[in-house]
C-alpha atoms as a PDB file:
ATOM      1  CA  UNK A   1      76.616  93.293  87.676  1.00  0.00           C
ATOM      2  CA  UNK A   2      80.379  93.219  88.479  1.00  0.00           C
ATOM      3  CA  UNK A   3      82.670  90.549  89.757  1.00  0.00           C
ATOM      4  CA  UNK A   4      85.103  92.573  91.908  1.00  0.00           C
ATOM      5  CA  UNK A   5      88.019  91.932  89.618  1.00  0.00           C
ATOM      6  CA  UNK A   6      89.543  95.433  89.184  1.00  0.00           C
ATOM      7  CA  UNK A   7      90.517  96.132  85.620  1.00  0.00           C
ATOM      8  CA  UNK A   8      92.731  99.101  86.204  1.00  0.00           C
ATOM      9  CA  UNK A   9      93.884 101.720  88.734  1.00  0.00           C
ATOM     10  CA  UNK A  10      92.413 104.954  87.396  1.00  0.00           C
ATOM     11  CA  UNK A  11      92.610 108.542  88.478  1.00  0.00           C
ATOM     12  CA  UNK A  12      90.166 111.340  89.381  1.00  0.00           C
ATOM     13  CA  UNK A  13      91.071 114.289  87.199  1.00  0.00           C
ATOM     14  CA  UNK A  14      88.393 116.768  88.376  1.00  0.00           C
ATOM     15  CA  UNK A  15      85.570 117.061  90.846  1.00  0.00           C
ATOM     16  CA  UNK A  16      82.776 119.635  90.318  1.00  0.00           C
ATOM     17  CA  UNK A  17      80.552 120.448  93.241  1.00  0.00           C
ATOM     18  CA  UNK A  18      76.970 120.816  91.992  1.00  0.00           C
ATOM     19  CA  UNK A  19      75.342 121.545  95.365  1.00  0.00           C
ATOM     20  CA  UNK A  20      73.342 118.403  96.077  1.00  0.00           C
ATOM     21  CA  UNK A  21      75.590 116.206  93.909  1.00  0.00           C
ATOM     22  CA  UNK A  22      79.034 116.211  92.296  1.00  0.00           C
ATOM     23  CA  UNK A  23      80.347 115.529  88.810  1.00  0.00           C
ATOM     24  CA  UNK A  24      83.516 113.429  88.630  1.00  0.00           C
ATOM     25  CA  UNK A  25      85.922 113.307  85.665  1.00  0.00           C
ATOM     26  CA  UNK A  26      87.993 110.128  85.724  1.00  0.00           C
ATOM     27  CA  UNK A  27      90.802 108.754  83.648  1.00  0.00           C
ATOM     28  CA  UNK A  28      90.900 105.038  82.752  1.00  0.00           C
ATOM     29  CA  UNK A  29      92.103 104.006  79.255  1.00  0.00           C
ATOM     30  CA  UNK A  30      90.999 100.348  79.695  1.00  0.00           C
ATOM     31  CA  UNK A  31      87.402 100.968  80.967  1.00  0.00           C
ATOM     32  CA  UNK A  32      86.753 103.810  78.554  1.00  0.00           C
ATOM     33  CA  UNK A  33      87.550 101.691  75.434  1.00  0.00           C
ATOM     34  CA  UNK A  34      84.238 101.486  73.649  1.00  0.00           C
ATOM     35  CA  UNK A  35      82.366 103.315  76.472  1.00  0.00           C
ATOM     36  CA  UNK A  36      79.164 105.063  75.583  1.00  0.00           C
ATOM     37  CA  UNK A  37      76.735 107.453  77.341  1.00  0.00           C
ATOM     38  CA  UNK A  38      74.676 105.462  79.842  1.00  0.00           C
ATOM     39  CA  UNK A  39      77.195 102.655  80.389  1.00  0.00           C
ATOM     40  CA  UNK A  40      78.023 101.591  83.911  1.00  0.00           C
ATOM     41  CA  UNK A  41      81.530 101.629  85.428  1.00  0.00           C
ATOM     42  CA  UNK A  42      82.322 100.751  89.010  1.00  0.00           C
ATOM     43  CA  UNK A  43      84.445 103.325  90.772  1.00  0.00           C
ATOM     44  CA  UNK A  44      85.897 102.032  94.071  1.00  0.00           C
ATOM     45  CA  UNK A  45      82.965  99.648  94.096  1.00  0.00           C
ATOM     46  CA  UNK A  46      80.250 102.208  93.407  1.00  0.00           C
ATOM     47  CA  UNK A  47      78.279 101.649  90.181  1.00  0.00           C
ATOM     48  CA  UNK A  48      78.266 104.985  88.274  1.00  0.00           C
ATOM     49  CA  UNK A  49      76.781 105.934  84.949  1.00  0.00           C
ATOM     50  CA  UNK A  50      78.871 107.392  82.138  1.00  0.00           C
ATOM     51  CA  UNK A  51      77.545 110.876  81.215  1.00  0.00           C
ATOM     52  CA  UNK A  52      80.308 111.932  78.797  1.00  0.00           C
ATOM     53  CA  UNK A  53      83.240 110.110  77.296  1.00  0.00           C
ATOM     54  CA  UNK A  54      86.223 111.658  75.535  1.00  0.00           C
ATOM     55  CA  UNK A  55      89.529 109.949  74.905  1.00  0.00           C
ATOM     56  CA  UNK A  56      90.553 107.997  77.984  1.00  0.00           C
ATOM     57  CA  UNK A  57      88.348 110.037  80.354  1.00  0.00           C
ATOM     58  CA  UNK A  58      84.708 109.908  81.325  1.00  0.00           C
ATOM     59  CA  UNK A  59      82.404 111.913  83.570  1.00  0.00           C
ATOM     60  CA  UNK A  60      79.811 110.618  86.076  1.00  0.00           C
ATOM     61  CA  UNK A  61      77.280 112.366  88.254  1.00  0.00           C
ATOM     62  CA  UNK A  62      77.304 111.296  91.924  1.00  0.00           C
ATOM     63  CA  UNK A  63      74.117 112.032  93.987  1.00  0.00           C
ATOM     64  CA  UNK A  64      74.100 113.057  97.605  1.00  0.00           C
ATOM     65  CA  UNK A  65      72.887 109.685  98.759  1.00  0.00           C
ATOM     66  CA  UNK A  66      75.971 108.024  97.167  1.00  0.00           C
ATOM     67  CA  UNK A  67      78.315 110.681  98.508  1.00  0.00           C
ATOM     68  CA  UNK A  68      76.981 110.146 102.044  1.00  0.00           C
ATOM     69  CA  UNK A  69      76.879 106.336 101.922  1.00  0.00           C
ATOM     70  CA  UNK A  70      80.276 105.819 100.289  1.00  0.00           C
ATOM     71  CA  UNK A  71      83.774 107.210 100.425  1.00  0.00           C
ATOM     72  CA  UNK A  72      83.507 108.933  97.060  1.00  0.00           C
ATOM     73  CA  UNK A  73      82.889 112.267  98.753  1.00  0.00           C
ATOM     74  CA  UNK A  74      86.482 112.219 100.025  1.00  0.00           C
ATOM     75  CA  UNK A  75      87.961 111.952  96.530  1.00  0.00           C
ATOM     76  CA  UNK A  76      89.761 114.871  94.996  1.00  0.00           C
ATOM     77  CA  UNK A  77      91.615 115.522  91.756  1.00  0.00           C
ATOM     78  CA  UNK A  78      94.585 113.190  91.766  1.00  0.00           C
ATOM     79  CA  UNK A  79      92.941 110.435  93.867  1.00  0.00           C
ATOM     80  CA  UNK A  80      93.541 106.927  92.525  1.00  0.00           C
ATOM     81  CA  UNK A  81      90.508 104.722  92.061  1.00  0.00           C
ATOM     82  CA  UNK A  82      89.680 101.132  91.198  1.00  0.00           C
ATOM     83  CA  UNK A  83      87.756 100.830  87.926  1.00  0.00           C
ATOM     84  CA  UNK A  84      85.763  97.893  86.564  1.00  0.00           C
ATOM     85  CA  UNK A  85      83.269  97.485  83.735  1.00  0.00           C
ATOM     86  CA  UNK A  86      80.232  95.242  84.156  1.00  0.00           C
ATOM     87  CA  UNK A  87      80.691  91.566  83.448  1.00  0.00           C
ATOM     88  CA  UNK A  88      79.417  90.247  80.134  1.00  0.00           C
ATOM     89  CA  UNK A  89      76.735  87.542  80.127  1.00  0.00           C
ATOM     90  CA  UNK A  90      78.539  84.208  79.729  1.00  0.00           C
ATOM     91  CA  UNK A  91      81.864  85.516  80.983  1.00  0.00           C
ATOM     92  CA  UNK A  92      83.830  83.850  83.758  1.00  0.00           C
ATOM     93  CA  UNK A  93      82.792  85.006  87.260  1.00  0.00           C
ATOM     94  CA  UNK A  94      86.345  85.579  88.520  1.00  0.00           C
ATOM     95  CA  UNK A  95      85.384  87.076  91.881  1.00  0.00           C
ATOM     96  CA  UNK A  96      81.817  86.935  93.232  1.00  0.00           C
ATOM     97  CA  UNK A  97      78.492  88.682  92.524  1.00  0.00           C
ATOM     98  CA  UNK A  98      78.969  92.403  93.068  1.00  0.00           C
ATOM     99  CA  UNK A  99      76.190  94.907  92.483  1.00  0.00           C
ATOM    100  CA  UNK A 100      78.134  98.097  92.885  1.00  0.00           C
ATOM    101  CA  UNK A 101      75.635  99.116  95.693  1.00  0.00           C
ATOM    102  CA  UNK A 102      77.798 100.060  98.627  1.00  0.00           C
ATOM    103  CA  UNK A 103      76.363  98.976 102.015  1.00  0.00           C
ATOM    104  CA  UNK A 104      78.602 101.309 104.043  1.00  0.00           C
ATOM    105  CA  UNK A 105      82.150 102.417 104.696  1.00  0.00           C
ATOM    106  CA  UNK A 106      84.850 100.874 106.773  1.00  0.00           C
ATOM    107  CA  UNK A 107      88.212 102.145 107.992  1.00  0.00           C
ATOM    108  CA  UNK A 108      91.614 100.580 107.545  1.00  0.00           C
ATOM    109  CA  UNK A 109      92.856  99.781 111.030  1.00  0.00           C
ATOM    110  CA  UNK A 110      96.184  98.105 110.421  1.00  0.00           C
ATOM    111  CA  UNK A 111      98.522  96.583 107.804  1.00  0.00           C
ATOM    112  CA  UNK A 112     100.789  93.706 108.639  1.00  0.00           C
ATOM    113  CA  UNK A 113     103.387  92.963 105.964  1.00  0.00           C
ATOM    114  CA  UNK A 114     104.730  89.403 105.308  1.00  0.00           C
ATOM    115  CA  UNK A 115     107.311  88.283 102.758  1.00  0.00           C
ATOM    116  CA  UNK A 116     104.877  87.614  99.933  1.00  0.00           C
ATOM    117  CA  UNK A 117     101.567  89.113 101.078  1.00  0.00           C
ATOM    118  CA  UNK A 118     100.030  91.595 103.494  1.00  0.00           C
ATOM    119  CA  UNK A 119      97.233  91.308 106.017  1.00  0.00           C
ATOM    120  CA  UNK A 120      94.837  94.301 106.206  1.00  0.00           C
ATOM    121  CA  UNK A 121      92.489  94.794 109.124  1.00  0.00           C
ATOM    122  CA  UNK A 122      89.335  96.821 108.429  1.00  0.00           C
ATOM    123  CA  UNK A 123      86.744  98.141 110.856  1.00  0.00           C
ATOM    124  CA  UNK A 124      83.162  97.787 109.689  1.00  0.00           C
ATOM    125  CA  UNK A 125      79.779  99.121 110.875  1.00  0.00           C
ATOM    126  CA  UNK A 126      78.105  96.890 113.478  1.00  0.00           C
ATOM    127  CA  UNK A 127      75.041  96.433 111.265  1.00  0.00           C
ATOM    128  CA  UNK A 128      77.132  94.742 108.551  1.00  0.00           C
ATOM    129  CA  UNK A 129      79.118  92.353 110.756  1.00  0.00           C
ATOM    130  CA  UNK A 130      76.463  89.653 110.626  1.00  0.00           C
ATOM    131  CA  UNK A 131      77.006  89.319 106.884  1.00  0.00           C
ATOM    132  CA  UNK A 132      80.785  88.797 107.190  1.00  0.00           C
ATOM    133  CA  UNK A 133      82.017  85.299 107.773  1.00  0.00           C
ATOM    134  CA  UNK A 134      85.408  83.585 107.744  1.00  0.00           C
ATOM    135  CA  UNK A 135      86.228  82.452 104.207  1.00  0.00           C
ATOM    136  CA  UNK A 136      83.251  84.332 102.881  1.00  0.00           C
ATOM    137  CA  UNK A 137      83.391  87.029 100.213  1.00  0.00           C
ATOM    138  CA  UNK A 138      83.378  90.805 100.747  1.00  0.00           C
ATOM    139  CA  UNK A 139      83.955  93.714  98.368  1.00  0.00           C
ATOM    140  CA  UNK A 140      86.392  96.395  99.560  1.00  0.00           C
ATOM    141  CA  UNK A 141      86.662  99.449  97.326  1.00  0.00           C
ATOM    142  CA  UNK A 142      85.287  97.280  94.504  1.00  0.00           C
ATOM    143  CA  UNK A 143      87.758  94.410  95.069  1.00  0.00           C
ATOM    144  CA  UNK A 144      86.405  90.908  95.623  1.00  0.00           C
ATOM    145  CA  UNK A 145      88.241  89.526  98.648  1.00  0.00           C
ATOM    146  CA  UNK A 146      88.067  86.446 100.874  1.00  0.00           C
ATOM    147  CA  UNK A 147      87.638  87.154 104.599  1.00  0.00           C
ATOM    148  CA  UNK A 148      90.454  85.619 106.682  1.00  0.00           C
ATOM    149  CA  UNK A 149      89.151  86.553 110.153  1.00  0.00           C
ATOM    150  CA  UNK A 150      85.717  87.950 111.040  1.00  0.00           C
ATOM    151  CA  UNK A 151      85.312  89.813 114.307  1.00  0.00           C
ATOM    152  CA  UNK A 152      82.348  91.628 115.850  1.00  0.00           C
ATOM    153  CA  UNK A 153      83.396  94.968 114.403  1.00  0.00           C
ATOM    154  CA  UNK A 154      86.258  94.191 112.068  1.00  0.00           C
ATOM    155  CA  UNK A 155      87.542  91.732 109.477  1.00  0.00           C
ATOM    156  CA  UNK A 156      90.940  90.906 107.895  1.00  0.00           C
ATOM    157  CA  UNK A 157      91.888  90.098 104.359  1.00  0.00           C
ATOM    158  CA  UNK A 158      95.132  88.772 102.857  1.00  0.00           C
ATOM    159  CA  UNK A 159      96.395  90.641  99.849  1.00  0.00           C
ATOM    160  CA  UNK A 160      98.662  89.085  97.203  1.00  0.00           C
ATOM    161  CA  UNK A 161     101.286  91.222  95.430  1.00  0.00           C
ATOM    162  CA  UNK A 162      99.054  91.672  92.366  1.00  0.00           C
ATOM    163  CA  UNK A 163      96.292  93.218  94.512  1.00  0.00           C
ATOM    164  CA  UNK A 164      98.783  95.447  96.255  1.00  0.00           C
ATOM    165  CA  UNK A 165     100.326  96.684  93.024  1.00  0.00           C
ATOM    166  CA  UNK A 166      97.134  97.128  90.882  1.00  0.00           C
ATOM    167  CA  UNK A 167      94.531  98.438  93.294  1.00  0.00           C
ATOM    168  CA  UNK A 168      93.982 101.180  95.817  1.00  0.00           C
ATOM    169  CA  UNK A 169      94.497  98.721  98.657  1.00  0.00           C
ATOM    170  CA  UNK A 170      98.204  98.950  98.039  1.00  0.00           C
ATOM    171  CA  UNK A 171      97.997 102.683  98.857  1.00  0.00           C
ATOM    172  CA  UNK A 172      95.473 102.771 101.747  1.00  0.00           C
ATOM    173  CA  UNK A 173      96.889 103.525 105.209  1.00  0.00           C
ATOM    174  CA  UNK A 174      95.400 103.142 108.683  1.00  0.00           C
ATOM    175  CA  UNK A 175      92.619 105.699 109.058  1.00  0.00           C
ATOM    176  CA  UNK A 176      91.671 105.679 105.382  1.00  0.00           C
ATOM    177  CA  UNK A 177      87.993 104.973 104.458  1.00  0.00           C
ATOM    178  CA  UNK A 178      87.018 102.082 102.169  1.00  0.00           C
ATOM    179  CA  UNK A 179      83.683 101.190 100.571  1.00  0.00           C
ATOM    180  CA  UNK A 180      82.134  97.916 101.656  1.00  0.00           C
ATOM    181  CA  UNK A 181      79.583  95.710  99.916  1.00  0.00           C
ATOM    182  CA  UNK A 182      78.644  92.542 101.673  1.00  0.00           C
ATOM    183  CA  UNK A 183      77.534  89.353  99.896  1.00  0.00           C
ATOM    184  CA  UNK A 184      74.050  89.912  98.355  1.00  0.00           C
ATOM    185  CA  UNK A 185      73.201  86.189  98.864  1.00  0.00           C
ATOM    186  CA  UNK A 186      73.525  86.590 102.666  1.00  0.00           C
ATOM    187  CA  UNK A 187      71.126  89.543 102.659  1.00  0.00           C
ATOM    188  CA  UNK A 188      68.484  87.633 100.618  1.00  0.00           C
ATOM    189  CA  UNK A 189      68.771  84.595 102.910  1.00  0.00           C
ATOM    190  CA  UNK A 190      68.241  86.827 105.945  1.00  0.00           C
ATOM    191  CA  UNK A 191      65.181  88.435 104.434  1.00  0.00           C
ATOM    192  CA  UNK A 192      63.656  85.139 103.506  1.00  0.00           C
ATOM    193  CA  UNK A 193      64.214  83.725 107.009  1.00  0.00           C
ATOM    194  CA  UNK A 194      62.774  86.878 108.571  1.00  0.00           C
ATOM    195  CA  UNK A 195      59.670  86.469 106.449  1.00  0.00           C
ATOM    196  CA  UNK A 196      59.184  82.896 107.611  1.00  0.00           C
ATOM    197  CA  UNK A 197      60.202  81.184 104.391  1.00  0.00           C
ATOM    198  CA  UNK A 198      60.482  77.447 104.866  1.00  0.00           C
ATOM    199  CA  UNK A 199      61.434  76.303 101.421  1.00  0.00           C
END
């Protein structure tokens, strides 16, 4: 489990096409400290498994399902990525509960700069809009954010200078894809209600 608090802005150093999958090599000195084979690291909000680790780099295999459902397929050598290690049991939950299981991709529609923050508008798939509510939580490229405005096919978030400086959202421009993970609690509640749960 992750919390959506990005630990560092890493970099893709190589992408190897394996036919029905890809192998990514990524650089991140913070998240690779103490990393071992089989560990999980969230890359732009996608939970990936460490295959190899050497120095400040690690490799991870990305299956076709993940490439199709997320924006990882658009990454190339030199792409910047948000990196986060799983939260430790007993640690503070700085963001919200994030699984690293992307529900779909959105598209940055607009950026509106203010003196000390920036509003970013993101289009989202229609099937996800019911899970997005004003002042609720959403994960964008692995970043735990609070929804400012929730429309039928879009939402907005307000980004503080730290988020702009230390994550990919400081670099994304209108038209760029982003990974979205909605609040897992909302999905569980919907399923329980659909099954006629009364208590």
